[in-house]
Amino acid sequence: MNHDDVLTNAQRIHNKIEELEKKREDIYQFAQDKADAISIYEKNLALTILKLKNGNIKYFDGVPIPEKLAITLIRDVAKGICYKDIFTKEANEAGYKGLITICECIRAELNGLQSINKHLE
C-alpha cells in the first residue's frame, strides 16, 4: 500500500463530494427555471388560443390566418406562435434533466473512488 495513493484518492473523494454539493445547490435554481418556463408557456399558449378563437391574431410570420380557422388546427397554430416559449421550456427542462444526470454521474464516480479507497487501505 502506497501512502501517497491513499492521500491522492482521499483528495479525489473530497473533490467529488464538493462537486456534488455544488451541483446539488444548483438543482433548486434549475427546477425554478424549469417551472417558470412551463408556466409561462402554458399561460401564453392559452392566451394565444383565445386570441385565435376570437380572431384577434390576423397573421403569423407574415402569413394570414383564416378567419374561420378549423378548431382542430387552433392548438397547433397557437403552439407555432408560442415557439419561443416552448423553446425556453424545452431548454430549461433539458438543463434540469442534464443536471440530474450529472449528479448521478458524480455519485457513481464517488462510489468508484470510495471502492478504490477500501482496497488501498
N, C-alpha and C. Protein backbone atom coordinates (compact mmCIF):
# COMPACT_ATOMS: atom_id res chain seq x y z
N MET A 1 0.84 -1.18 0.00
CA MET A 1 0.00 0.00 0.00
C MET A 1 0.89 1.24 0.00
N ASN A 2 0.63 2.15 -0.90
CA ASN A 2 1.39 3.39 -1.03
C ASN A 2 0.62 4.50 -0.34
N HIS A 3 1.25 5.16 0.62
CA HIS A 3 0.61 6.23 1.39
C HIS A 3 0.17 7.37 0.48
N ASP A 4 0.98 7.68 -0.54
CA ASP A 4 0.61 8.76 -1.48
C ASP A 4 -0.65 8.41 -2.26
N ASP A 5 -0.82 7.14 -2.63
CA ASP A 5 -2.03 6.71 -3.33
C ASP A 5 -3.26 6.93 -2.47
N VAL A 6 -3.15 6.61 -1.18
CA VAL A 6 -4.27 6.79 -0.26
C VAL A 6 -4.62 8.26 -0.14
N LEU A 7 -3.62 9.11 0.02
CA LEU A 7 -3.86 10.55 0.15
C LEU A 7 -4.42 11.15 -1.15
N THR A 8 -3.89 10.73 -2.28
CA THR A 8 -4.37 11.21 -3.57
C THR A 8 -5.83 10.81 -3.78
N ASN A 9 -6.13 9.57 -3.45
CA ASN A 9 -7.51 9.09 -3.62
C ASN A 9 -8.45 9.81 -2.64
N ALA A 10 -7.98 10.04 -1.43
CA ALA A 10 -8.80 10.75 -0.44
C ALA A 10 -9.11 12.17 -0.94
N GLN A 11 -8.12 12.81 -1.56
CA GLN A 11 -8.33 14.15 -2.11
C GLN A 11 -9.33 14.11 -3.26
N ARG A 12 -9.23 13.09 -4.09
CA ARG A 12 -10.17 12.95 -5.20
C ARG A 12 -11.59 12.73 -4.67
N ILE A 13 -11.73 11.95 -3.61
CA ILE A 13 -13.04 11.74 -2.99
C ILE A 13 -13.57 13.07 -2.46
N HIS A 14 -12.73 13.80 -1.77
CA HIS A 14 -13.13 15.11 -1.23
C HIS A 14 -13.58 16.05 -2.36
N ASN A 15 -12.84 16.06 -3.45
CA ASN A 15 -13.18 16.92 -4.60
C ASN A 15 -14.54 16.53 -5.20
N LYS A 16 -14.79 15.23 -5.30
CA LYS A 16 -16.08 14.76 -5.85
C LYS A 16 -17.23 15.17 -4.93
N ILE A 17 -17.01 15.08 -3.62
CA ILE A 17 -18.05 15.48 -2.68
C ILE A 17 -18.35 16.97 -2.83
N GLU A 18 -17.32 17.79 -2.96
CA GLU A 18 -17.52 19.23 -3.17
C GLU A 18 -18.25 19.50 -4.48
N GLU A 19 -17.87 18.79 -5.52
CA GLU A 19 -18.52 18.94 -6.83
C GLU A 19 -20.00 18.58 -6.74
N LEU A 20 -20.29 17.49 -6.06
CA LEU A 20 -21.68 17.06 -5.89
C LEU A 20 -22.47 18.07 -5.06
N GLU A 21 -21.87 18.61 -4.01
CA GLU A 21 -22.55 19.61 -3.19
C GLU A 21 -22.89 20.85 -4.02
N LYS A 22 -21.98 21.28 -4.87
CA LYS A 22 -22.22 22.46 -5.72
C LYS A 22 -23.37 22.19 -6.69
N LYS A 23 -23.34 21.04 -7.33
CA LYS A 23 -24.41 20.71 -8.27
C LYS A 23 -25.75 20.59 -7.56
N ARG A 24 -25.73 20.05 -6.36
CA ARG A 24 -26.96 19.91 -5.59
C ARG A 24 -27.56 21.29 -5.29
N GLU A 25 -26.70 22.26 -5.01
CA GLU A 25 -27.16 23.63 -4.78
C GLU A 25 -27.78 24.22 -6.04
N ASP A 26 -27.27 23.84 -7.21
CA ASP A 26 -27.79 24.35 -8.48
C ASP A 26 -29.17 23.79 -8.83
N ILE A 27 -29.49 22.63 -8.28
CA ILE A 27 -30.75 21.97 -8.65
C ILE A 27 -31.95 22.86 -8.38
N TYR A 28 -31.98 23.56 -7.25
CA TYR A 28 -33.14 24.40 -6.93
C TYR A 28 -33.36 25.45 -8.00
N GLN A 29 -32.29 26.14 -8.42
CA GLN A 29 -32.45 27.19 -9.43
C GLN A 29 -32.90 26.60 -10.77
N PHE A 30 -32.33 25.47 -11.13
CA PHE A 30 -32.73 24.82 -12.39
C PHE A 30 -34.20 24.38 -12.33
N ALA A 31 -34.62 23.87 -11.18
CA ALA A 31 -36.02 23.46 -11.01
C ALA A 31 -36.94 24.68 -11.09
N GLN A 32 -36.52 25.78 -10.49
CA GLN A 32 -37.31 27.02 -10.54
C GLN A 32 -37.41 27.53 -11.97
N ASP A 33 -36.30 27.53 -12.69
CA ASP A 33 -36.30 27.99 -14.09
C ASP A 33 -37.20 27.10 -14.94
N LYS A 34 -37.15 25.80 -14.70
CA LYS A 34 -37.99 24.86 -15.44
C LYS A 34 -39.46 25.15 -15.17
N ALA A 35 -39.82 25.31 -13.90
CA ALA A 35 -41.22 25.58 -13.54
C ALA A 35 -41.69 26.91 -14.12
N ASP A 36 -40.84 27.93 -14.05
CA ASP A 36 -41.20 29.24 -14.62
C ASP A 36 -41.46 29.14 -16.11
N ALA A 37 -40.59 28.45 -16.82
CA ALA A 37 -40.73 28.33 -18.28
C ALA A 37 -42.00 27.56 -18.64
N ILE A 38 -42.32 26.52 -17.89
CA ILE A 38 -43.54 25.75 -18.15
C ILE A 38 -44.77 26.63 -17.93
N SER A 39 -44.79 27.36 -16.83
CA SER A 39 -45.96 28.18 -16.53
C SER A 39 -46.13 29.31 -17.54
N ILE A 40 -45.03 29.93 -17.96
CA ILE A 40 -45.10 31.00 -18.96
C ILE A 40 -45.62 30.44 -20.28
N TYR A 41 -45.10 29.29 -20.69
CA TYR A 41 -45.55 28.68 -21.93
C TYR A 41 -47.04 28.36 -21.87
N GLU A 42 -47.48 27.72 -20.80
CA GLU A 42 -48.89 27.34 -20.68
C GLU A 42 -49.80 28.57 -20.69
N LYS A 43 -49.38 29.61 -20.00
CA LYS A 43 -50.17 30.85 -19.98
C LYS A 43 -50.25 31.46 -21.37
N ASN A 44 -49.10 31.60 -22.02
CA ASN A 44 -49.08 32.22 -23.35
C ASN A 44 -49.80 31.37 -24.39
N LEU A 45 -49.73 30.06 -24.26
CA LEU A 45 -50.45 29.18 -25.18
C LEU A 45 -51.96 29.38 -25.02
N ALA A 46 -52.43 29.41 -23.78
CA ALA A 46 -53.86 29.61 -23.53
C ALA A 46 -54.32 30.97 -24.08
N LEU A 47 -53.54 32.00 -23.82
CA LEU A 47 -53.90 33.33 -24.33
C LEU A 47 -53.92 33.36 -25.86
N THR A 48 -52.96 32.70 -26.47
CA THR A 48 -52.89 32.67 -27.93
C THR A 48 -54.07 31.90 -28.51
N ILE A 49 -54.47 30.81 -27.89
CA ILE A 49 -55.64 30.05 -28.34
C ILE A 49 -56.88 30.94 -28.27
N LEU A 50 -57.04 31.64 -27.16
CA LEU A 50 -58.19 32.54 -27.02
C LEU A 50 -58.18 33.64 -28.10
N LYS A 51 -57.00 34.20 -28.33
CA LYS A 51 -56.89 35.26 -29.34
C LYS A 51 -57.20 34.72 -30.74
N LEU A 52 -56.75 33.51 -31.03
CA LEU A 52 -57.05 32.91 -32.33
C LEU A 52 -58.55 32.65 -32.47
N LYS A 53 -59.17 32.12 -31.42
CA LYS A 53 -60.61 31.84 -31.47
C LYS A 53 -61.43 33.12 -31.64
N ASN A 54 -60.93 34.21 -31.05
CA ASN A 54 -61.64 35.49 -31.13
C ASN A 54 -61.26 36.30 -32.37
N GLY A 55 -60.37 35.77 -33.18
CA GLY A 55 -59.96 36.47 -34.39
C GLY A 55 -59.06 37.68 -34.16
N ASN A 56 -58.39 37.72 -33.00
CA ASN A 56 -57.51 38.85 -32.68
C ASN A 56 -56.13 38.74 -33.31
N ILE A 57 -55.76 37.58 -33.77
CA ILE A 57 -54.46 37.41 -34.44
C ILE A 57 -54.77 37.17 -35.91
N LYS A 58 -54.27 38.07 -36.75
CA LYS A 58 -54.59 38.01 -38.18
C LYS A 58 -53.48 37.38 -39.02
N TYR A 59 -52.24 37.49 -38.51
CA TYR A 59 -51.08 36.99 -39.27
C TYR A 59 -50.13 36.26 -38.33
N PHE A 60 -49.46 35.27 -38.90
CA PHE A 60 -48.38 34.60 -38.18
C PHE A 60 -47.19 34.53 -39.12
N ASP A 61 -46.13 35.20 -38.73
CA ASP A 61 -44.90 35.24 -39.52
C ASP A 61 -45.17 35.69 -40.96
N GLY A 62 -46.05 36.69 -41.07
CA GLY A 62 -46.38 37.25 -42.38
C GLY A 62 -47.43 36.48 -43.16
N VAL A 63 -47.90 35.37 -42.63
CA VAL A 63 -48.90 34.54 -43.32
C VAL A 63 -50.27 34.82 -42.71
N PRO A 64 -51.26 35.13 -43.55
CA PRO A 64 -52.59 35.41 -43.00
C PRO A 64 -53.22 34.16 -42.36
N ILE A 65 -53.91 34.38 -41.25
CA ILE A 65 -54.63 33.31 -40.57
C ILE A 65 -56.08 33.42 -41.01
N PRO A 66 -56.66 32.33 -41.52
CA PRO A 66 -58.05 32.38 -41.97
C PRO A 66 -58.99 32.80 -40.83
N GLU A 67 -60.02 33.56 -41.18
CA GLU A 67 -60.99 33.98 -40.16
C GLU A 67 -61.65 32.78 -39.51
N LYS A 68 -61.94 31.78 -40.25
CA LYS A 68 -62.58 30.56 -39.73
C LYS A 68 -61.55 29.44 -39.66
N LEU A 69 -60.56 29.62 -38.82
CA LEU A 69 -59.53 28.60 -38.64
C LEU A 69 -60.17 27.36 -38.02
N ALA A 70 -59.92 26.22 -38.62
CA ALA A 70 -60.51 24.97 -38.11
C ALA A 70 -60.12 24.76 -36.66
N ILE A 71 -61.09 24.36 -35.86
CA ILE A 71 -60.87 24.15 -34.42
C ILE A 71 -59.73 23.16 -34.20
N THR A 72 -59.63 22.16 -35.06
CA THR A 72 -58.58 21.15 -34.90
C THR A 72 -57.18 21.72 -35.13
N LEU A 73 -57.09 22.87 -35.80
CA LEU A 73 -55.79 23.49 -36.09
C LEU A 73 -55.40 24.57 -35.09
N ILE A 74 -56.36 25.06 -34.31
CA ILE A 74 -56.09 26.21 -33.44
C ILE A 74 -54.93 25.93 -32.48
N ARG A 75 -54.94 24.78 -31.83
CA ARG A 75 -53.87 24.47 -30.86
C ARG A 75 -52.51 24.38 -31.56
N ASP A 76 -52.47 23.76 -32.73
CA ASP A 76 -51.20 23.64 -33.45
C ASP A 76 -50.67 25.01 -33.89
N VAL A 77 -51.55 25.86 -34.37
CA VAL A 77 -51.14 27.21 -34.78
C VAL A 77 -50.69 28.00 -33.55
N ALA A 78 -51.42 27.87 -32.46
CA ALA A 78 -51.05 28.56 -31.23
C ALA A 78 -49.67 28.11 -30.74
N LYS A 79 -49.40 26.82 -30.83
CA LYS A 79 -48.09 26.31 -30.44
C LYS A 79 -46.99 26.91 -31.32
N GLY A 80 -47.28 27.02 -32.61
CA GLY A 80 -46.31 27.64 -33.51
C GLY A 80 -46.06 29.09 -33.17
N ILE A 81 -47.10 29.80 -32.84
CA ILE A 81 -46.96 31.21 -32.47
C ILE A 81 -46.14 31.34 -31.18
N CYS A 82 -46.28 30.38 -30.28
CA CYS A 82 -45.56 30.41 -28.99
C CYS A 82 -44.22 29.66 -29.06
N TYR A 83 -43.63 29.59 -30.25
CA TYR A 83 -42.42 28.79 -30.44
C TYR A 83 -41.26 29.20 -29.54
N LYS A 84 -41.13 30.49 -29.26
CA LYS A 84 -40.03 30.93 -28.39
C LYS A 84 -40.23 30.44 -26.96
N ASP A 85 -41.48 30.47 -26.51
CA ASP A 85 -41.79 30.00 -25.16
C ASP A 85 -41.55 28.50 -25.04
N ILE A 86 -41.94 27.75 -26.06
CA ILE A 86 -41.73 26.29 -25.98
C ILE A 86 -40.24 25.96 -26.07
N PHE A 87 -39.48 26.77 -26.82
CA PHE A 87 -38.03 26.55 -26.87
C PHE A 87 -37.43 26.74 -25.48
N THR A 88 -37.81 27.83 -24.81
CA THR A 88 -37.30 28.10 -23.46
C THR A 88 -37.72 26.98 -22.50
N LYS A 89 -38.97 26.55 -22.61
CA LYS A 89 -39.48 25.46 -21.78
C LYS A 89 -38.65 24.19 -21.99
N GLU A 90 -38.45 23.81 -23.23
CA GLU A 90 -37.70 22.59 -23.54
C GLU A 90 -36.23 22.72 -23.11
N ALA A 91 -35.64 23.88 -23.34
CA ALA A 91 -34.24 24.09 -22.96
C ALA A 91 -34.07 24.00 -21.44
N ASN A 92 -35.01 24.58 -20.70
CA ASN A 92 -34.92 24.52 -19.25
C ASN A 92 -35.18 23.11 -18.72
N GLU A 93 -36.09 22.40 -19.34
CA GLU A 93 -36.32 21.00 -18.93
C GLU A 93 -35.07 20.16 -19.21
N ALA A 94 -34.46 20.38 -20.37
CA ALA A 94 -33.24 19.63 -20.71
C ALA A 94 -32.11 19.97 -19.75
N GLY A 95 -31.99 21.25 -19.40
CA GLY A 95 -30.95 21.66 -18.46
C GLY A 95 -31.13 21.02 -17.10
N TYR A 96 -32.37 20.96 -16.64
CA TYR A 96 -32.67 20.34 -15.35
C TYR A 96 -32.35 18.84 -15.39
N LYS A 97 -32.83 18.17 -16.43
CA LYS A 97 -32.56 16.73 -16.56
C LYS A 97 -31.06 16.47 -16.70
N GLY A 98 -30.37 17.34 -17.43
CA GLY A 98 -28.93 17.20 -17.59
C GLY A 98 -28.21 17.33 -16.27
N LEU A 99 -28.65 18.28 -15.45
CA LEU A 99 -28.03 18.47 -14.14
C LEU A 99 -28.24 17.25 -13.24
N ILE A 100 -29.44 16.68 -13.29
CA ILE A 100 -29.72 15.47 -12.51
C ILE A 100 -28.80 14.33 -12.97
N THR A 101 -28.63 14.20 -14.28
CA THR A 101 -27.75 13.16 -14.83
C THR A 101 -26.31 13.39 -14.40
N ILE A 102 -25.87 14.64 -14.41
CA ILE A 102 -24.50 14.97 -13.97
C ILE A 102 -24.32 14.56 -12.51
N CYS A 103 -25.32 14.85 -11.68
CA CYS A 103 -25.24 14.47 -10.27
C CYS A 103 -25.13 12.95 -10.12
N GLU A 104 -25.90 12.23 -10.92
CA GLU A 104 -25.82 10.76 -10.87
C GLU A 104 -24.44 10.27 -11.29
N CYS A 105 -23.86 10.90 -12.29
CA CYS A 105 -22.51 10.52 -12.74
C CYS A 105 -21.47 10.81 -11.66
N ILE A 106 -21.58 11.97 -11.02
CA ILE A 106 -20.63 12.31 -9.96
C ILE A 106 -20.76 11.32 -8.81
N ARG A 107 -22.00 10.95 -8.46
CA ARG A 107 -22.21 9.95 -7.40
C ARG A 107 -21.57 8.61 -7.78
N ALA A 108 -21.72 8.22 -9.04
CA ALA A 108 -21.11 6.96 -9.48
C ALA A 108 -19.59 7.04 -9.39
N GLU A 109 -19.02 8.18 -9.80
CA GLU A 109 -17.57 8.36 -9.70
C GLU A 109 -17.14 8.32 -8.24
N LEU A 110 -17.90 8.96 -7.38
CA LEU A 110 -17.59 8.98 -5.95
C LEU A 110 -17.63 7.56 -5.38
N ASN A 111 -18.65 6.80 -5.76
CA ASN A 111 -18.74 5.40 -5.30
C ASN A 111 -17.53 4.60 -5.76
N GLY A 112 -17.11 4.83 -7.00
CA GLY A 112 -15.93 4.14 -7.52
C GLY A 112 -14.68 4.50 -6.74
N LEU A 113 -14.51 5.78 -6.46
CA LEU A 113 -13.35 6.22 -5.68
C LEU A 113 -13.38 5.66 -4.27
N GLN A 114 -14.56 5.59 -3.69
CA GLN A 114 -14.67 5.03 -2.34
C GLN A 114 -14.34 3.54 -2.34
N SER A 115 -14.73 2.84 -3.41
CA SER A 115 -14.37 1.41 -3.53
C SER A 115 -12.86 1.25 -3.66
N ILE A 116 -12.24 2.10 -4.46
CA ILE A 116 -10.78 2.06 -4.60
C ILE A 116 -10.13 2.33 -3.26
N ASN A 117 -10.70 3.29 -2.53
CA ASN A 117 -10.14 3.65 -1.23
C ASN A 117 -10.14 2.47 -0.27
N LYS A 118 -11.20 1.68 -0.31
CA LYS A 118 -11.27 0.48 0.56
C LYS A 118 -10.14 -0.49 0.24
N HIS A 119 -9.83 -0.61 -1.04
CA HIS A 119 -8.77 -1.54 -1.45
C HIS A 119 -7.37 -1.00 -1.13
N LEU A 120 -7.24 0.34 -1.08
CA LEU A 120 -5.95 0.94 -0.80
C LEU A 120 -5.62 0.87 0.69
N GLU A 121 -6.68 0.84 1.52
CA GLU A 121 -6.44 0.86 2.98
C GLU A 121 -5.95 -0.42 3.52
